[in-house]
Structure formats: structure tokens, C-alpha cells
């Protein structure tokens, strides 16, 4: 999911904006990219928590 959101963000950035556009023109690309980054961070956090939980059970 995070790769899809980051890819969509890149597509939006390169295909819907022109050089010199105001910041509001980049709003969708920024929003989708931020969601992708948040998903990626969430996946990392869940993975770390899982590893810690498995280590505690095994010890």
C-alpha cells in the first residue's frame, strides 16, 4: 500500500503540476505522499513490535 501511495504521489507530482505552480497545486501530491510515508512508518513499527514480542516469548 505504501509503495502504491508513494508511486501515485510521484505520478501526480510529475503529471499534474507545472514549474512555477503555487504550493496549492502540489496539495494532492503532498497529501498522497504523506499518507504513503505514514503507511511505511506504520509497517516498520508493526514489524519491530512483532520481533520484540517474539523475542520475549522465546526467552
PDB file of N, CA and C in Angstrom:
ATOM      1  N   UNK A   1       0.826  -1.193   0.000  1.00  0.00           N
ATOM      2  CA  UNK A   1       0.000   0.000   0.000  1.00  0.00           C
ATOM      3  C   UNK A   1       0.871   1.258   0.000  1.00  0.00           C
ATOM      4  N   UNK A   2       1.923   1.232   0.812  1.00  0.00           N
ATOM      5  CA  UNK A   2       2.769   2.423   0.878  1.00  0.00           C
ATOM      6  C   UNK A   2       3.463   2.675  -0.460  1.00  0.00           C
ATOM      7  N   UNK A   3       3.877   1.608  -1.151  1.00  0.00           N
ATOM      8  CA  UNK A   3       4.524   1.783  -2.456  1.00  0.00           C
ATOM      9  C   UNK A   3       3.541   2.370  -3.470  1.00  0.00           C
ATOM     10  N   UNK A   4       2.298   1.934  -3.407  1.00  0.00           N
ATOM     11  CA  UNK A   4       1.281   2.456  -4.322  1.00  0.00           C
ATOM     12  C   UNK A   4       1.057   3.943  -4.069  1.00  0.00           C
ATOM     13  N   UNK A   5       0.935   4.313  -2.797  1.00  0.00           N
ATOM     14  CA  UNK A   5       0.710   5.727  -2.472  1.00  0.00           C
ATOM     15  C   UNK A   5       1.901   6.592  -2.865  1.00  0.00           C
ATOM     16  N   UNK A   6       3.112   6.102  -2.619  1.00  0.00           N
ATOM     17  CA  UNK A   6       4.291   6.879  -2.998  1.00  0.00           C
ATOM     18  C   UNK A   6       4.415   6.973  -4.519  1.00  0.00           C
ATOM     19  N   UNK A   7       4.089   5.889  -5.219  1.00  0.00           N
ATOM     20  CA  UNK A   7       4.105   5.928  -6.684  1.00  0.00           C
ATOM     21  C   UNK A   7       3.076   6.895  -7.232  1.00  0.00           C
ATOM     22  N   UNK A   8       1.880   6.872  -6.649  1.00  0.00           N
ATOM     23  CA  UNK A   8       0.831   7.798  -7.071  1.00  0.00           C
ATOM     24  C   UNK A   8       1.236   9.241  -6.804  1.00  0.00           C
ATOM     25  N   UNK A   9       1.898   9.458  -5.684  1.00  0.00           N
ATOM     26  CA  UNK A   9       2.375  10.800  -5.366  1.00  0.00           C
ATOM     27  C   UNK A   9       3.358  11.290  -6.429  1.00  0.00           C
ATOM     28  N   UNK A  10       4.283  10.426  -6.817  1.00  0.00           N
ATOM     29  CA  UNK A  10       5.239  10.793  -7.855  1.00  0.00           C
ATOM     30  C   UNK A  10       4.558  11.072  -9.181  1.00  0.00           C
ATOM     31  N   UNK A  11       3.576  10.225  -9.530  1.00  0.00           N
ATOM     32  CA  UNK A  11       2.840  10.433 -10.772  1.00  0.00           C
ATOM     33  C   UNK A  11       2.100  11.761 -10.745  1.00  0.00           C
ATOM     34  N   UNK A  12       1.423  12.047  -9.626  1.00  0.00           N
ATOM     35  CA  UNK A  12       0.708  13.317  -9.507  1.00  0.00           C
ATOM     36  C   UNK A  12       1.661  14.501  -9.619  1.00  0.00           C
ATOM     37  N   UNK A  13       2.815  14.377  -8.974  1.00  0.00           N
ATOM     38  CA  UNK A  13       3.785  15.474  -8.984  1.00  0.00           C
ATOM     39  C   UNK A  13       4.266  15.770 -10.404  1.00  0.00           C
ATOM     40  N   UNK A  14       4.623  14.723 -11.142  1.00  0.00           N
ATOM     41  CA  UNK A  14       5.212  14.940 -12.460  1.00  0.00           C
ATOM     42  C   UNK A  14       4.183  15.148 -13.569  1.00  0.00           C
ATOM     43  N   UNK A  15       2.932  14.747 -13.374  1.00  0.00           N
ATOM     44  CA  UNK A  15       1.950  14.822 -14.457  1.00  0.00           C
ATOM     45  C   UNK A  15       0.854  15.862 -14.266  1.00  0.00           C
ATOM     46  N   UNK A  16       0.732  16.447 -13.094  1.00  0.00           N
ATOM     47  CA  UNK A  16      -0.358  17.399 -12.890  1.00  0.00           C
ATOM     48  C   UNK A  16       0.123  18.791 -12.513  1.00  0.00           C
ATOM     49  N   UNK A  17       1.399  18.987 -12.366  1.00  0.00           N
ATOM     50  CA  UNK A  17       1.905  20.306 -11.978  1.00  0.00           C
ATOM     51  C   UNK A  17       2.887  20.819 -13.022  1.00  0.00           C
ATOM     52  N   UNK A  18       3.009  22.117 -13.058  1.00  0.00           N
ATOM     53  CA  UNK A  18       3.942  22.778 -13.951  1.00  0.00           C
ATOM     54  C   UNK A  18       4.954  23.546 -13.115  1.00  0.00           C
ATOM     55  N   UNK A  19       6.175  23.719 -13.632  1.00  0.00           N
ATOM     56  CA  UNK A  19       7.148  24.540 -12.893  1.00  0.00           C
ATOM     57  C   UNK A  19       6.580  25.938 -12.629  1.00  0.00           C
ATOM     58  N   UNK A  20       6.740  26.399 -11.427  1.00  0.00           N
ATOM     59  CA  UNK A  20       6.253  27.717 -11.054  1.00  0.00           C
ATOM     60  C   UNK A  20       4.857  27.716 -10.477  1.00  0.00           C
ATOM     61  N   UNK A  21       4.205  26.547 -10.392  1.00  0.00           N
ATOM     62  CA  UNK A  21       2.868  26.481  -9.783  1.00  0.00           C
ATOM     63  C   UNK A  21       2.953  26.834  -8.301  1.00  0.00           C
ATOM     64  N   UNK A  22       1.846  27.317  -7.769  1.00  0.00           N
ATOM     65  CA  UNK A  22       1.807  27.632  -6.340  1.00  0.00           C
ATOM     66  C   UNK A  22       1.783  26.337  -5.530  1.00  0.00           C
ATOM     67  N   UNK A  23       1.994  26.464  -4.237  1.00  0.00           N
ATOM     68  CA  UNK A  23       2.051  25.300  -3.359  1.00  0.00           C
ATOM     69  C   UNK A  23       0.723  24.548  -3.343  1.00  0.00           C
ATOM     70  N   UNK A  24      -0.374  25.243  -3.526  1.00  0.00           N
ATOM     71  CA  UNK A  24      -1.682  24.581  -3.510  1.00  0.00           C
ATOM     72  C   UNK A  24      -1.827  23.593  -4.666  1.00  0.00           C
ATOM     73  N   UNK A  25      -1.103  23.804  -5.749  1.00  0.00           N
ATOM     74  CA  UNK A  25      -1.153  22.880  -6.876  1.00  0.00           C
ATOM     75  C   UNK A  25      -0.529  21.533  -6.519  1.00  0.00           C
ATOM     76  N   UNK A  26       0.348  21.533  -5.537  1.00  0.00           N
ATOM     77  CA  UNK A  26       1.022  20.320  -5.113  1.00  0.00           C
ATOM     78  C   UNK A  26       0.293  19.617  -3.961  1.00  0.00           C
ATOM     79  N   UNK A  27      -0.856  20.123  -3.548  1.00  0.00           N
ATOM     80  CA  UNK A  27      -1.541  19.619  -2.360  1.00  0.00           C
ATOM     81  C   UNK A  27      -1.845  18.125  -2.450  1.00  0.00           C
ATOM     82  N   UNK A  28      -2.378  17.663  -3.580  1.00  0.00           N
ATOM     83  CA  UNK A  28      -2.703  16.237  -3.702  1.00  0.00           C
ATOM     84  C   UNK A  28      -1.452  15.373  -3.652  1.00  0.00           C
ATOM     85  N   UNK A  29      -0.400  15.803  -4.340  1.00  0.00           N
ATOM     86  CA  UNK A  29       0.841  15.032  -4.331  1.00  0.00           C
ATOM     87  C   UNK A  29       1.429  14.983  -2.923  1.00  0.00           C
ATOM     88  N   UNK A  30       1.374  16.101  -2.217  1.00  0.00           N
ATOM     89  CA  UNK A  30       1.897  16.147  -0.848  1.00  0.00           C
ATOM     90  C   UNK A  30       1.053  15.264   0.068  1.00  0.00           C
ATOM     91  N   UNK A  31      -0.274  15.320  -0.067  1.00  0.00           N
ATOM     92  CA  UNK A  31      -1.162  14.530   0.786  1.00  0.00           C
ATOM     93  C   UNK A  31      -0.974  13.035   0.549  1.00  0.00           C
ATOM     94  N   UNK A  32      -0.917  12.625  -0.706  1.00  0.00           N
ATOM     95  CA  UNK A  32      -0.762  11.205  -1.015  1.00  0.00           C
ATOM     96  C   UNK A  32       0.621  10.721  -0.597  1.00  0.00           C
ATOM     97  N   UNK A  33       1.640  11.523  -0.835  1.00  0.00           N
ATOM     98  CA  UNK A  33       2.992  11.154  -0.407  1.00  0.00           C
ATOM     99  C   UNK A  33       3.100  11.036   1.099  1.00  0.00           C
ATOM    100  N   UNK A  34       2.464  11.939   1.812  1.00  0.00           N
ATOM    101  CA  UNK A  34       2.470  11.873   3.273  1.00  0.00           C
ATOM    102  C   UNK A  34       1.770  10.616   3.774  1.00  0.00           C
ATOM    103  N   UNK A  35       0.666  10.251   3.137  1.00  0.00           N
ATOM    104  CA  UNK A  35      -0.034   9.023   3.511  1.00  0.00           C
ATOM    105  C   UNK A  35       0.838   7.800   3.242  1.00  0.00           C
ATOM    106  N   UNK A  36       1.550   7.809   2.135  1.00  0.00           N
ATOM    107  CA  UNK A  36       2.456   6.705   1.822  1.00  0.00           C
ATOM    108  C   UNK A  36       3.579   6.576   2.826  1.00  0.00           C
ATOM    109  N   UNK A  37       4.148   7.706   3.219  1.00  0.00           N
ATOM    110  CA  UNK A  37       5.213   7.691   4.221  1.00  0.00           C
ATOM    111  C   UNK A  37       4.675   7.216   5.558  1.00  0.00           C
ATOM    112  N   UNK A  38       3.471   7.655   5.924  1.00  0.00           N
ATOM    113  CA  UNK A  38       2.858   7.214   7.177  1.00  0.00           C
ATOM    114  C   UNK A  38       2.617   5.701   7.165  1.00  0.00           C
ATOM    115  N   UNK A  39       2.161   5.156   6.037  1.00  0.00           N
ATOM    116  CA  UNK A  39       1.966   3.703   5.926  1.00  0.00           C
ATOM    117  C   UNK A  39       3.292   2.970   6.064  1.00  0.00           C
ATOM    118  N   UNK A  40       4.322   3.496   5.437  1.00  0.00           N
ATOM    119  CA  UNK A  40       5.638   2.870   5.516  1.00  0.00           C
ATOM    120  C   UNK A  40       6.158   2.868   6.951  1.00  0.00           C
ATOM    121  N   UNK A  41       6.028   3.986   7.636  1.00  0.00           N
ATOM    122  CA  UNK A  41       6.462   4.066   9.037  1.00  0.00           C
ATOM    123  C   UNK A  41       5.643   3.113   9.892  1.00  0.00           C
ATOM    124  N   UNK A  42       4.347   3.042   9.645  1.00  0.00           N
ATOM    125  CA  UNK A  42       3.486   2.118  10.388  1.00  0.00           C
ATOM    126  C   UNK A  42       3.905   0.675  10.202  1.00  0.00           C
ATOM    127  N   UNK A  43       4.266   0.297   8.975  1.00  0.00           N
ATOM    128  CA  UNK A  43       4.715  -1.072   8.722  1.00  0.00           C
ATOM    129  C   UNK A  43       5.995  -1.374   9.471  1.00  0.00           C
ATOM    130  N   UNK A  44       6.916  -0.426   9.506  1.00  0.00           N
ATOM    131  CA  UNK A  44       8.178  -0.629  10.224  1.00  0.00           C
ATOM    132  C   UNK A  44       7.909  -0.790  11.718  1.00  0.00           C
ATOM    133  N   UNK A  45       7.048   0.059  12.275  1.00  0.00           N
ATOM    134  CA  UNK A  45       6.735  -0.004  13.708  1.00  0.00           C
ATOM    135  C   UNK A  45       6.099  -1.346  14.047  1.00  0.00           C
ATOM    136  N   UNK A  46       5.152  -1.799  13.240  1.00  0.00           N
ATOM    137  CA  UNK A  46       4.496  -3.087  13.497  1.00  0.00           C
ATOM    138  C   UNK A  46       5.509  -4.223  13.401  1.00  0.00           C
ATOM    139  N   UNK A  47       6.396  -4.163  12.436  1.00  0.00           N
ATOM    140  CA  UNK A  47       7.422  -5.200  12.299  1.00  0.00           C
ATOM    141  C   UNK A  47       8.347  -5.251  13.494  1.00  0.00           C
ATOM    142  N   UNK A  48       8.775  -4.103  13.985  1.00  0.00           N
ATOM    143  CA  UNK A  48       9.651  -4.054  15.160  1.00  0.00           C
ATOM    144  C   UNK A  48       8.915  -4.587  16.386  1.00  0.00           C
ATOM    145  N   UNK A  49       7.662  -4.201  16.553  1.00  0.00           N
ATOM    146  CA  UNK A  49       6.881  -4.693  17.690  1.00  0.00           C
ATOM    147  C   UNK A  49       6.715  -6.203  17.627  1.00  0.00           C
ATOM    148  N   UNK A  50       6.486  -6.743  16.446  1.00  0.00           N
ATOM    149  CA  UNK A  50       6.354  -8.193  16.291  1.00  0.00           C
ATOM    150  C   UNK A  50       7.631  -8.912  16.674  1.00  0.00           C
ATOM    151  N   UNK A  51       8.769  -8.381  16.222  1.00  0.00           N
ATOM    152  CA  UNK A  51      10.050  -9.006  16.561  1.00  0.00           C
ATOM    153  C   UNK A  51      10.281  -8.974  18.059  1.00  0.00           C
ATOM    154  N   UNK A  52       9.977  -7.858  18.693  1.00  0.00           N
ATOM    155  CA  UNK A  52      10.163  -7.764  20.135  1.00  0.00           C
ATOM    156  C   UNK A  52       9.248  -8.739  20.872  1.00  0.00           C
ATOM    157  N   UNK A  53       8.028  -8.890  20.398  1.00  0.00           N
ATOM    158  CA  UNK A  53       7.082  -9.804  21.028  1.00  0.00           C
ATOM    159  C   UNK A  53       7.554 -11.251  20.894  1.00  0.00           C
ATOM    160  N   UNK A  54       8.083 -11.619  19.727  1.00  0.00           N
ATOM    161  CA  UNK A  54       8.579 -12.973  19.526  1.00  0.00           C
ATOM    162  C   UNK A  54       9.819 -13.241  20.365  1.00  0.00           C
ATOM    163  N   UNK A  55      10.656 -12.253  20.548  1.00  0.00           N
ATOM    164  CA  UNK A  55      11.853 -12.437  21.393  1.00  0.00           C
ATOM    165  C   UNK A  55      11.459 -12.646  22.837  1.00  0.00           C
ATOM    166  N   UNK A  56      10.453 -11.909  23.300  1.00  0.00           N
ATOM    167  CA  UNK A  56      10.016 -12.054  24.688  1.00  0.00           C
ATOM    168  C   UNK A  56       9.392 -13.423  24.919  1.00  0.00           C
ATOM    169  N   UNK A  57       8.663 -13.928  23.958  1.00  0.00           N
ATOM    170  CA  UNK A  57       8.048 -15.256  24.094  1.00  0.00           C
ATOM    171  C   UNK A  57       9.096 -16.358  24.083  1.00  0.00           C
ATOM    172  N   UNK A  58      10.111 -16.178  23.239  1.00  0.00           N
ATOM    173  CA  UNK A  58      11.155 -17.198  23.113  1.00  0.00           C
ATOM    174  C   UNK A  58      12.122 -17.232  24.288  1.00  0.00           C
ATOM    175  N   UNK A  59      12.250 -16.124  25.011  1.00  0.00           N
ATOM    176  CA  UNK A  59      13.236 -16.044  26.107  1.00  0.00           C
ATOM    177  C   UNK A  59      12.742 -16.692  27.379  1.00  0.00           C
TER     178      UNK A  59
END
